[in-house]
Amino acid sequence: MEGAKDAGAELLYAELAPLPLRRTLDAQGVNAEGSVPKQATFYEDVAADMALLAELKAGFQARAPRRADVGQGKADFDSARFLFVPLQVPDDSQMTLFAGWCAGLQGFIAALAEASRHLPEGWHLRLKEHPSAKVAMTDEINALIASGARIILDNATDSFAQIAASAGVITINSSMGLQAMFWDKPVVITGEALYDIEGAVVRADSAVALGALCSQAAELLFDADLRARLLTWLARDYYVSFDQGRLLKPEQIQRIRAKGRAT
């Protein structure tokens, strides 16, 4: 892309999207550097489409694992009280470019271990490694558990089932943070995320702040109306509709290109 900029070429960044039958095409950038507005006021005039959001929720499927030790099975959570932490790929650009103060997955896990000590009595953080991560963090996590961190490592259970059973989600900037909004779960982020919008998520800007939020695990809040408008806008106006590799609405490309030229 730097070479294309130098040559004066038109740019269009492409990436997978966190919503079913969608792709990301953005003339500005990817992830936190994309063109998704971060001001809550932008979404005030968006009419939430609850039927569309229900349809999208029904279409989520857990990612097929590429590791034998990470699965998508069933589990009985009983009355467990926990915050779910879907870990990310350690060497992904989300970690190398946008991880923020924790500086990457190892720093994030270390901060989680310390923050877990501030959870209310009977609570824990429930971690799951990414199904596609080639670098396992299992030994590091188990060592922290052995040292007293209030963490359970559950690599076996379906990721969306863990979201549904949780009291909230903590992530650096995973797409599962956005997806957790479909289950009406509070979301805490520590890094730079495309959905970093006050009211939709809560930011933890330091390890101390993360610990403080863990101490309030049962009281984390969010603006449900803002979320519904945000998710509707993303599904209808930002992400591009694809099915089986086929662009469903070609006019979306012209809109994106025109926006890129305008900026």
C-alpha atoms as a PDB file:
ATOM      1  CA  MET A   1       0.000   0.000   0.000  1.00  0.00           C
ATOM      2  CA  GLU A   2       2.906   2.379   0.675  1.00  0.00           C
ATOM      3  CA  GLY A   3       4.171   1.645  -2.831  1.00  0.00           C
ATOM      4  CA  ALA A   4       0.714   2.266  -4.274  1.00  0.00           C
ATOM      5  CA  LYS A   5       0.498   5.589  -2.434  1.00  0.00           C
ATOM      6  CA  ASP A   6       3.889   6.593  -3.795  1.00  0.00           C
ATOM      7  CA  ALA A   7       2.719   5.748  -7.320  1.00  0.00           C
ATOM      8  CA  GLY A   8      -0.447   7.803  -6.884  1.00  0.00           C
ATOM      9  CA  ALA A   9      -2.753   4.801  -7.222  1.00  0.00           C
ATOM     10  CA  GLU A  10      -6.234   4.650  -5.764  1.00  0.00           C
ATOM     11  CA  LEU A  11      -6.306   2.586  -2.563  1.00  0.00           C
ATOM     12  CA  LEU A  12      -8.876   0.114  -1.287  1.00  0.00           C
ATOM     13  CA  TYR A  13      -8.104  -1.962   1.811  1.00  0.00           C
ATOM     14  CA  ALA A  14      -9.758  -5.385   1.957  1.00  0.00           C
ATOM     15  CA  GLU A  15     -10.252  -7.626   4.961  1.00  0.00           C
ATOM     16  CA  LEU A  16     -12.617 -10.190   6.421  1.00  0.00           C
ATOM     17  CA  ALA A  17     -15.526  -8.754   8.412  1.00  0.00           C
ATOM     18  CA  PRO A  18     -16.864  -9.818  11.829  1.00  0.00           C
ATOM     19  CA  LEU A  19     -20.451 -10.067  10.552  1.00  0.00           C
ATOM     20  CA  PRO A  20     -21.904 -12.956   8.498  1.00  0.00           C
ATOM     21  CA  LEU A  21     -21.879 -12.605   4.695  1.00  0.00           C
ATOM     22  CA  ARG A  22     -19.877  -9.371   4.892  1.00  0.00           C
ATOM     23  CA  ARG A  23     -16.418  -8.173   3.900  1.00  0.00           C
ATOM     24  CA  THR A  24     -14.475  -5.032   4.787  1.00  0.00           C
ATOM     25  CA  LEU A  25     -13.591  -2.705   1.915  1.00  0.00           C
ATOM     26  CA  ASP A  26     -12.317   0.642   3.160  1.00  0.00           C
ATOM     27  CA  ALA A  27     -10.502   3.378   1.269  1.00  0.00           C
ATOM     28  CA  GLN A  28      -8.962   4.732   4.482  1.00  0.00           C
ATOM     29  CA  GLY A  29      -7.483   1.685   6.236  1.00  0.00           C
ATOM     30  CA  VAL A  30      -8.164  -1.447   8.250  1.00  0.00           C
ATOM     31  CA  ASN A  31      -8.975  -2.176  11.883  1.00  0.00           C
ATOM     32  CA  ALA A  32      -8.713   0.931  14.085  1.00  0.00           C
ATOM     33  CA  GLU A  33      -7.403   2.983  11.140  1.00  0.00           C
ATOM     34  CA  GLY A  34     -10.544   2.432   9.068  1.00  0.00           C
ATOM     35  CA  SER A  35     -13.284   4.983   8.415  1.00  0.00           C
ATOM     36  CA  VAL A  36     -15.779   3.838  11.090  1.00  0.00           C
ATOM     37  CA  PRO A  37     -16.766   7.035  12.996  1.00  0.00           C
ATOM     38  CA  LYS A  38     -15.772   6.906  16.675  1.00  0.00           C
ATOM     39  CA  GLN A  39     -18.188   9.619  17.841  1.00  0.00           C
ATOM     40  CA  ALA A  40     -21.460   8.338  19.298  1.00  0.00           C
ATOM     41  CA  THR A  41     -23.298  11.360  17.887  1.00  0.00           C
ATOM     42  CA  PHE A  42     -22.704  10.099  14.330  1.00  0.00           C
ATOM     43  CA  TYR A  43     -25.180   7.261  14.910  1.00  0.00           C
ATOM     44  CA  GLU A  44     -28.009   9.357  16.367  1.00  0.00           C
ATOM     45  CA  ASP A  45     -29.926   9.455  13.081  1.00  0.00           C
ATOM     46  CA  VAL A  46     -29.506   5.745  12.305  1.00  0.00           C
ATOM     47  CA  ALA A  47     -32.710   3.743  12.688  1.00  0.00           C
ATOM     48  CA  ALA A  48     -31.934   0.492  14.475  1.00  0.00           C
ATOM     49  CA  ASP A  49     -33.110  -2.600  12.564  1.00  0.00           C
ATOM     50  CA  MET A  50     -33.677  -5.197  15.273  1.00  0.00           C
ATOM     51  CA  ALA A  51     -34.878  -7.817  12.767  1.00  0.00           C
ATOM     52  CA  LEU A  52     -31.632  -7.485  10.829  1.00  0.00           C
ATOM     53  CA  LEU A  53     -29.591  -7.767  14.026  1.00  0.00           C
ATOM     54  CA  ALA A  54     -31.486 -10.897  15.059  1.00  0.00           C
ATOM     55  CA  GLU A  55     -30.837 -12.398  11.620  1.00  0.00           C
ATOM     56  CA  LEU A  56     -27.126 -11.639  11.888  1.00  0.00           C
ATOM     57  CA  LYS A  57     -26.919 -13.110  15.389  1.00  0.00           C
ATOM     58  CA  ALA A  58     -28.438 -16.351  14.133  1.00  0.00           C
ATOM     59  CA  GLY A  59     -25.764 -16.513  11.422  1.00  0.00           C
ATOM     60  CA  PHE A  60     -22.715 -16.502  13.686  1.00  0.00           C
ATOM     61  CA  GLN A  61     -20.676 -19.704  13.639  1.00  0.00           C
ATOM     62  CA  ALA A  62     -17.606 -20.382  15.731  1.00  0.00           C
ATOM     63  CA  ARG A  63     -14.369 -20.465  13.763  1.00  0.00           C
ATOM     64  CA  ALA A  64     -13.211 -23.972  12.792  1.00  0.00           C
ATOM     65  CA  PRO A  65     -10.115 -24.752  14.886  1.00  0.00           C
ATOM     66  CA  ARG A  66      -6.728 -25.328  13.284  1.00  0.00           C
ATOM     67  CA  ARG A  67      -5.241 -26.636  16.517  1.00  0.00           C
ATOM     68  CA  ALA A  68      -5.975 -30.050  17.974  1.00  0.00           C
ATOM     69  CA  ASP A  69      -6.057 -28.622  21.509  1.00  0.00           C
ATOM     70  CA  VAL A  70      -8.635 -25.908  20.691  1.00  0.00           C
ATOM     71  CA  GLY A  71     -12.215 -26.946  19.974  1.00  0.00           C
ATOM     72  CA  GLN A  72     -15.790 -25.709  19.755  1.00  0.00           C
ATOM     73  CA  GLY A  73     -17.574 -28.236  21.966  1.00  0.00           C
ATOM     74  CA  LYS A  74     -20.403 -28.000  24.472  1.00  0.00           C
ATOM     75  CA  ALA A  75     -20.148 -27.311  28.182  1.00  0.00           C
ATOM     76  CA  ASP A  76     -22.321 -26.901  31.244  1.00  0.00           C
ATOM     77  CA  PHE A  77     -21.454 -23.640  32.954  1.00  0.00           C
ATOM     78  CA  ASP A  78     -23.879 -24.184  35.855  1.00  0.00           C
ATOM     79  CA  SER A  79     -23.923 -20.943  37.853  1.00  0.00           C
ATOM     80  CA  ALA A  80     -20.350 -19.908  37.056  1.00  0.00           C
ATOM     81  CA  ARG A  81     -19.765 -16.172  37.176  1.00  0.00           C
ATOM     82  CA  PHE A  82     -17.047 -15.000  34.832  1.00  0.00           C
ATOM     83  CA  LEU A  83     -15.841 -12.548  32.230  1.00  0.00           C
ATOM     84  CA  PHE A  84     -14.871 -14.191  28.953  1.00  0.00           C
ATOM     85  CA  VAL A  85     -11.544 -13.351  27.314  1.00  0.00           C
ATOM     86  CA  PRO A  86     -11.204 -14.574  23.689  1.00  0.00           C
ATOM     87  CA  LEU A  87      -7.463 -14.411  23.042  1.00  0.00           C
ATOM     88  CA  GLN A  88      -6.124 -13.312  19.671  1.00  0.00           C
ATOM     89  CA  VAL A  89      -3.387 -14.454  17.293  1.00  0.00           C
ATOM     90  CA  PRO A  90      -0.103 -13.301  18.891  1.00  0.00           C
ATOM     91  CA  ASP A  91       1.565 -12.126  15.679  1.00  0.00           C
ATOM     92  CA  ASP A  92      -1.517 -10.667  13.978  1.00  0.00           C
ATOM     93  CA  SER A  93      -1.440  -6.981  13.033  1.00  0.00           C
ATOM     94  CA  GLN A  94      -4.103  -6.359  15.669  1.00  0.00           C
ATOM     95  CA  MET A  95      -1.387  -7.244  18.190  1.00  0.00           C
ATOM     96  CA  THR A  96       1.685  -5.799  16.497  1.00  0.00           C
ATOM     97  CA  LEU A  97       0.111  -2.453  15.531  1.00  0.00           C
ATOM     98  CA  PHE A  98      -2.955  -1.824  17.689  1.00  0.00           C
ATOM     99  CA  ALA A  99      -2.413  -3.545  21.057  1.00  0.00           C
ATOM    100  CA  GLY A 100      -1.887  -0.303  22.967  1.00  0.00           C
ATOM    101  CA  TRP A 101      -0.420  -0.176  26.455  1.00  0.00           C
ATOM    102  CA  CYS A 102      -0.176  -3.949  26.974  1.00  0.00           C
ATOM    103  CA  ALA A 103       2.133  -4.130  23.918  1.00  0.00           C
ATOM    104  CA  GLY A 104       0.873  -7.523  22.780  1.00  0.00           C
ATOM    105  CA  LEU A 105      -0.692 -10.782  23.874  1.00  0.00           C
ATOM    106  CA  GLN A 106       1.879 -11.686  26.527  1.00  0.00           C
ATOM    107  CA  GLY A 107       1.528  -8.328  28.233  1.00  0.00           C
ATOM    108  CA  PHE A 108      -2.256  -8.608  28.028  1.00  0.00           C
ATOM    109  CA  ILE A 109      -2.294 -12.027  29.669  1.00  0.00           C
ATOM    110  CA  ALA A 110       0.013 -10.829  32.434  1.00  0.00           C
ATOM    111  CA  ALA A 111      -2.300  -7.856  33.045  1.00  0.00           C
ATOM    112  CA  LEU A 112      -5.308 -10.194  33.144  1.00  0.00           C
ATOM    113  CA  ALA A 113      -3.645 -12.356  35.776  1.00  0.00           C
ATOM    114  CA  GLU A 114      -3.126  -9.353  38.038  1.00  0.00           C
ATOM    115  CA  ALA A 115      -6.574  -7.887  37.309  1.00  0.00           C
ATOM    116  CA  SER A 116      -8.247 -11.217  38.133  1.00  0.00           C
ATOM    117  CA  ARG A 117      -7.231 -10.753  41.776  1.00  0.00           C
ATOM    118  CA  HIS A 118      -9.653  -7.798  41.937  1.00  0.00           C
ATOM    119  CA  LEU A 119     -12.720  -9.781  40.811  1.00  0.00           C
ATOM    120  CA  PRO A 120     -15.628 -10.172  43.228  1.00  0.00           C
ATOM    121  CA  GLU A 121     -15.638 -13.291  45.370  1.00  0.00           C
ATOM    122  CA  GLY A 122     -16.551 -16.397  43.359  1.00  0.00           C
ATOM    123  CA  TRP A 123     -15.756 -14.846  39.951  1.00  0.00           C
ATOM    124  CA  HIS A 124     -13.052 -15.762  37.446  1.00  0.00           C
ATOM    125  CA  LEU A 125     -11.716 -14.785  34.043  1.00  0.00           C
ATOM    126  CA  ARG A 126     -12.345 -17.473  31.460  1.00  0.00           C
ATOM    127  CA  LEU A 127      -9.735 -17.494  28.693  1.00  0.00           C
ATOM    128  CA  LYS A 128      -9.745 -19.261  25.343  1.00  0.00           C
ATOM    129  CA  GLU A 129      -6.854 -19.326  22.902  1.00  0.00           C
ATOM    130  CA  HIS A 130      -7.528 -18.389  19.301  1.00  0.00           C
ATOM    131  CA  PRO A 131      -8.406 -21.422  17.157  1.00  0.00           C
ATOM    132  CA  SER A 132      -5.966 -20.280  14.448  1.00  0.00           C
ATOM    133  CA  ALA A 133      -3.045 -19.245  16.654  1.00  0.00           C
ATOM    134  CA  LYS A 134       0.108 -21.128  15.700  1.00  0.00           C
ATOM    135  CA  VAL A 135       1.867 -19.983  18.853  1.00  0.00           C
ATOM    136  CA  ALA A 136       0.324 -21.550  21.971  1.00  0.00           C
ATOM    137  CA  MET A 137       0.172 -19.576  25.209  1.00  0.00           C
ATOM    138  CA  THR A 138      -1.057 -22.562  27.220  1.00  0.00           C
ATOM    139  CA  ASP A 139       2.051 -23.020  29.370  1.00  0.00           C
ATOM    140  CA  GLU A 140       2.241 -19.323  30.239  1.00  0.00           C
ATOM    141  CA  ILE A 141      -1.434 -19.224  31.210  1.00  0.00           C
ATOM    142  CA  ASN A 142      -1.218 -22.388  33.302  1.00  0.00           C
ATOM    143  CA  ALA A 143       1.816 -20.988  35.125  1.00  0.00           C
ATOM    144  CA  LEU A 144      -0.158 -17.876  36.047  1.00  0.00           C
ATOM    145  CA  ILE A 145      -3.063 -20.020  37.238  1.00  0.00           C
ATOM    146  CA  ALA A 146      -0.663 -22.039  39.386  1.00  0.00           C
ATOM    147  CA  SER A 147       0.637 -18.810  40.911  1.00  0.00           C
ATOM    148  CA  GLY A 148      -2.846 -17.807  42.053  1.00  0.00           C
ATOM    149  CA  ALA A 149      -4.460 -15.980  39.137  1.00  0.00           C
ATOM    150  CA  ARG A 150      -8.227 -16.428  39.167  1.00  0.00           C
ATOM    151  CA  ILE A 151      -8.313 -17.730  35.617  1.00  0.00           C
ATOM    152  CA  ILE A 152      -9.804 -20.781  33.923  1.00  0.00           C
ATOM    153  CA  LEU A 153      -8.403 -21.780  30.549  1.00  0.00           C
ATOM    154  CA  ASP A 154     -11.202 -23.292  28.469  1.00  0.00           C
ATOM    155  CA  ASN A 155      -9.941 -24.159  25.001  1.00  0.00           C
ATOM    156  CA  ALA A 156     -12.608 -26.819  24.482  1.00  0.00           C
ATOM    157  CA  THR A 157     -15.912 -24.924  24.567  1.00  0.00           C
ATOM    158  CA  ASP A 158     -17.667 -23.104  21.731  1.00  0.00           C
ATOM    159  CA  SER A 159     -16.640 -19.445  21.763  1.00  0.00           C
ATOM    160  CA  PHE A 160     -20.143 -18.050  21.314  1.00  0.00           C
ATOM    161  CA  ALA A 161     -21.446 -20.340  24.078  1.00  0.00           C
ATOM    162  CA  GLN A 162     -18.826 -18.839  26.370  1.00  0.00           C
ATOM    163  CA  ILE A 163     -19.919 -15.322  25.379  1.00  0.00           C
ATOM    164  CA  ALA A 164     -23.560 -16.210  26.051  1.00  0.00           C
ATOM    165  CA  ALA A 165     -22.787 -17.634  29.502  1.00  0.00           C
ATOM    166  CA  SER A 166     -20.496 -14.779  30.516  1.00  0.00           C
ATOM    167  CA  ALA A 167     -21.235 -11.557  32.347  1.00  0.00           C
ATOM    168  CA  GLY A 168     -19.109  -9.655  29.839  1.00  0.00           C
ATOM    169  CA  VAL A 169     -16.094  -9.788  27.542  1.00  0.00           C
ATOM    170  CA  ILE A 170     -12.577  -8.398  27.908  1.00  0.00           C
ATOM    171  CA  THR A 171     -10.445  -8.086  24.793  1.00  0.00           C
ATOM    172  CA  ILE A 172      -7.626  -6.076  23.306  1.00  0.00           C
ATOM    173  CA  ASN A 173      -9.544  -5.433  20.077  1.00  0.00           C
ATOM    174  CA  SER A 174     -10.904  -8.790  18.891  1.00  0.00           C
ATOM    175  CA  SER A 175     -13.842  -9.009  16.491  1.00  0.00           C
ATOM    176  CA  MET A 176     -15.499 -11.055  19.246  1.00  0.00           C
ATOM    177  CA  GLY A 177     -15.801  -7.842  21.222  1.00  0.00           C
ATOM    178  CA  LEU A 178     -18.078  -6.504  18.501  1.00  0.00           C
ATOM    179  CA  GLN A 179     -19.874  -9.829  18.190  1.00  0.00           C
ATOM    180  CA  ALA A 180     -20.512  -9.921  21.960  1.00  0.00           C
ATOM    181  CA  MET A 181     -22.755  -6.880  21.487  1.00  0.00           C
ATOM    182  CA  PHE A 182     -25.279  -9.153  19.771  1.00  0.00           C
ATOM    183  CA  TRP A 183     -25.569 -11.027  23.090  1.00  0.00           C
ATOM    184  CA  ASP A 184     -26.004  -7.766  25.039  1.00  0.00           C
ATOM    185  CA  LYS A 185     -22.766  -8.251  26.943  1.00  0.00           C
ATOM    186  CA  PRO A 186     -20.621  -5.461  28.404  1.00  0.00           C
ATOM    187  CA  VAL A 187     -17.331  -5.177  26.504  1.00  0.00           C
ATOM    188  CA  VAL A 188     -14.025  -3.942  27.934  1.00  0.00           C
ATOM    189  CA  ILE A 189     -11.226  -3.138  25.472  1.00  0.00           C
ATOM    190  CA  THR A 190      -7.585  -2.380  26.207  1.00  0.00           C
ATOM    191  CA  GLY A 191      -6.253  -1.605  22.709  1.00  0.00           C
ATOM    192  CA  GLU A 192      -7.242   0.276  19.582  1.00  0.00           C
ATOM    193  CA  ALA A 193     -10.452  -1.093  18.050  1.00  0.00           C
ATOM    194  CA  LEU A 194     -12.688  -0.029  15.182  1.00  0.00           C
ATOM    195  CA  TYR A 195     -15.655  -0.195  17.596  1.00  0.00           C
ATOM    196  CA  ASP A 196     -14.041   1.981  20.283  1.00  0.00           C
ATOM    197  CA  ILE A 197     -17.080   4.193  20.827  1.00  0.00           C
ATOM    198  CA  GLU A 198     -17.919   5.520  24.272  1.00  0.00           C
ATOM    199  CA  GLY A 199     -21.139   3.937  25.440  1.00  0.00           C
ATOM    200  CA  ALA A 200     -20.755   0.894  23.205  1.00  0.00           C
ATOM    201  CA  VAL A 201     -17.634  -0.293  25.054  1.00  0.00           C
ATOM    202  CA  VAL A 202     -15.621   0.572  28.159  1.00  0.00           C
ATOM    203  CA  ARG A 203     -11.924   1.360  27.747  1.00  0.00           C
ATOM    204  CA  ALA A 204      -9.279   0.180  30.186  1.00  0.00           C
ATOM    205  CA  ASP A 205      -6.363   2.513  29.506  1.00  0.00           C
ATOM    206  CA  SER A 206      -3.958   0.848  31.954  1.00  0.00           C
ATOM    207  CA  ALA A 207      -3.422  -2.266  34.040  1.00  0.00           C
ATOM    208  CA  VAL A 208      -4.743  -0.372  37.062  1.00  0.00           C
ATOM    209  CA  ALA A 209      -7.910   0.580  35.179  1.00  0.00           C
ATOM    210  CA  LEU A 210      -8.381  -3.028  34.095  1.00  0.00           C
ATOM    211  CA  GLY A 211      -8.174  -4.181  37.699  1.00  0.00           C
ATOM    212  CA  ALA A 212     -10.703  -1.555  38.744  1.00  0.00           C
ATOM    213  CA  LEU A 213     -13.146  -2.697  36.059  1.00  0.00           C
ATOM    214  CA  CYS A 214     -12.720  -6.313  37.153  1.00  0.00           C
ATOM    215  CA  SER A 215     -13.679  -5.284  40.680  1.00  0.00           C
ATOM    216  CA  GLN A 216     -16.954  -3.983  39.155  1.00  0.00           C
ATOM    217  CA  ALA A 217     -17.545  -7.094  37.028  1.00  0.00           C
ATOM    218  CA  ALA A 218     -21.195  -7.397  38.049  1.00  0.00           C
ATOM    219  CA  GLU A 219     -21.927  -3.725  37.349  1.00  0.00           C
ATOM    220  CA  LEU A 220     -20.444  -3.044  33.894  1.00  0.00           C
ATOM    221  CA  LEU A 221     -22.813  -0.998  31.742  1.00  0.00           C
ATOM    222  CA  PHE A 222     -23.390  -0.062  28.087  1.00  0.00           C
ATOM    223  CA  ASP A 223     -25.804   1.949  25.937  1.00  0.00           C
ATOM    224  CA  ALA A 224     -28.052  -0.635  24.262  1.00  0.00           C
ATOM    225  CA  ASP A 225     -29.691   1.896  21.914  1.00  0.00           C
ATOM    226  CA  LEU A 226     -26.337   3.201  20.687  1.00  0.00           C
ATOM    227  CA  ARG A 227     -25.163  -0.335  20.074  1.00  0.00           C
ATOM    228  CA  ALA A 228     -28.254  -1.224  18.049  1.00  0.00           C
ATOM    229  CA  ARG A 229     -27.743   1.841  15.844  1.00  0.00           C
ATOM    230  CA  LEU A 230     -23.999   1.153  15.494  1.00  0.00           C
ATOM    231  CA  LEU A 231     -24.488  -2.484  14.532  1.00  0.00           C
ATOM    232  CA  THR A 232     -27.238  -1.591  12.057  1.00  0.00           C
ATOM    233  CA  TRP A 233     -24.989   1.013  10.390  1.00  0.00           C
ATOM    234  CA  LEU A 234     -22.071  -1.408  10.184  1.00  0.00           C
ATOM    235  CA  ALA A 235     -24.230  -4.132   8.638  1.00  0.00           C
ATOM    236  CA  ARG A 236     -26.033  -1.889   6.147  1.00  0.00           C
ATOM    237  CA  ASP A 237     -23.693   0.981   5.353  1.00  0.00           C
ATOM    238  CA  TYR A 238     -20.123  -0.016   6.155  1.00  0.00           C
ATOM    239  CA  TYR A 239     -19.488  -3.690   5.496  1.00  0.00           C
ATOM    240  CA  VAL A 240     -19.944  -4.924   1.943  1.00  0.00           C
ATOM    241  CA  SER A 241     -22.325  -7.803   1.278  1.00  0.00           C
ATOM    242  CA  PHE A 242     -20.713 -10.958  -0.154  1.00  0.00           C
ATOM    243  CA  ASP A 243     -22.009 -14.498  -0.607  1.00  0.00           C
ATOM    244  CA  GLN A 244     -19.932 -17.372  -1.941  1.00  0.00           C
ATOM    245  CA  GLY A 245     -17.356 -14.874  -3.203  1.00  0.00           C
ATOM    246  CA  ARG A 246     -19.988 -12.849  -5.072  1.00  0.00           C
ATOM    247  CA  LEU A 247     -20.544  -9.145  -4.459  1.00  0.00           C
ATOM    248  CA  LEU A 248     -24.261  -8.751  -3.774  1.00  0.00           C
ATOM    249  CA  LYS A 249     -24.500  -4.960  -4.135  1.00  0.00           C
ATOM    250  CA  PRO A 250     -21.962  -3.635  -6.703  1.00  0.00           C
ATOM    251  CA  GLU A 251     -23.077  -0.046  -6.043  1.00  0.00           C
ATOM    252  CA  GLN A 252     -21.405  -0.265  -2.626  1.00  0.00           C
ATOM    253  CA  ILE A 253     -17.983  -0.200  -4.303  1.00  0.00           C
ATOM    254  CA  GLN A 254     -18.706   3.116  -6.004  1.00  0.00           C
ATOM    255  CA  ARG A 255     -19.815   4.602  -2.664  1.00  0.00           C
ATOM    256  CA  ILE A 256     -16.602   3.467  -0.976  1.00  0.00           C
ATOM    257  CA  ARG A 257     -14.384   4.734  -3.814  1.00  0.00           C
ATOM    258  CA  ALA A 258     -16.141   8.102  -3.822  1.00  0.00           C
ATOM    259  CA  LYS A 259     -15.640   8.442  -0.080  1.00  0.00           C
ATOM    260  CA  GLY A 260     -11.949   7.615  -0.491  1.00  0.00           C
ATOM    261  CA  ARG A 261     -11.491  10.291  -3.148  1.00  0.00           C
ATOM    262  CA  ALA A 262     -13.293  12.817  -0.957  1.00  0.00           C
ATOM    263  CA  THR A 263     -10.893  12.253   1.938  1.00  0.00           C
END
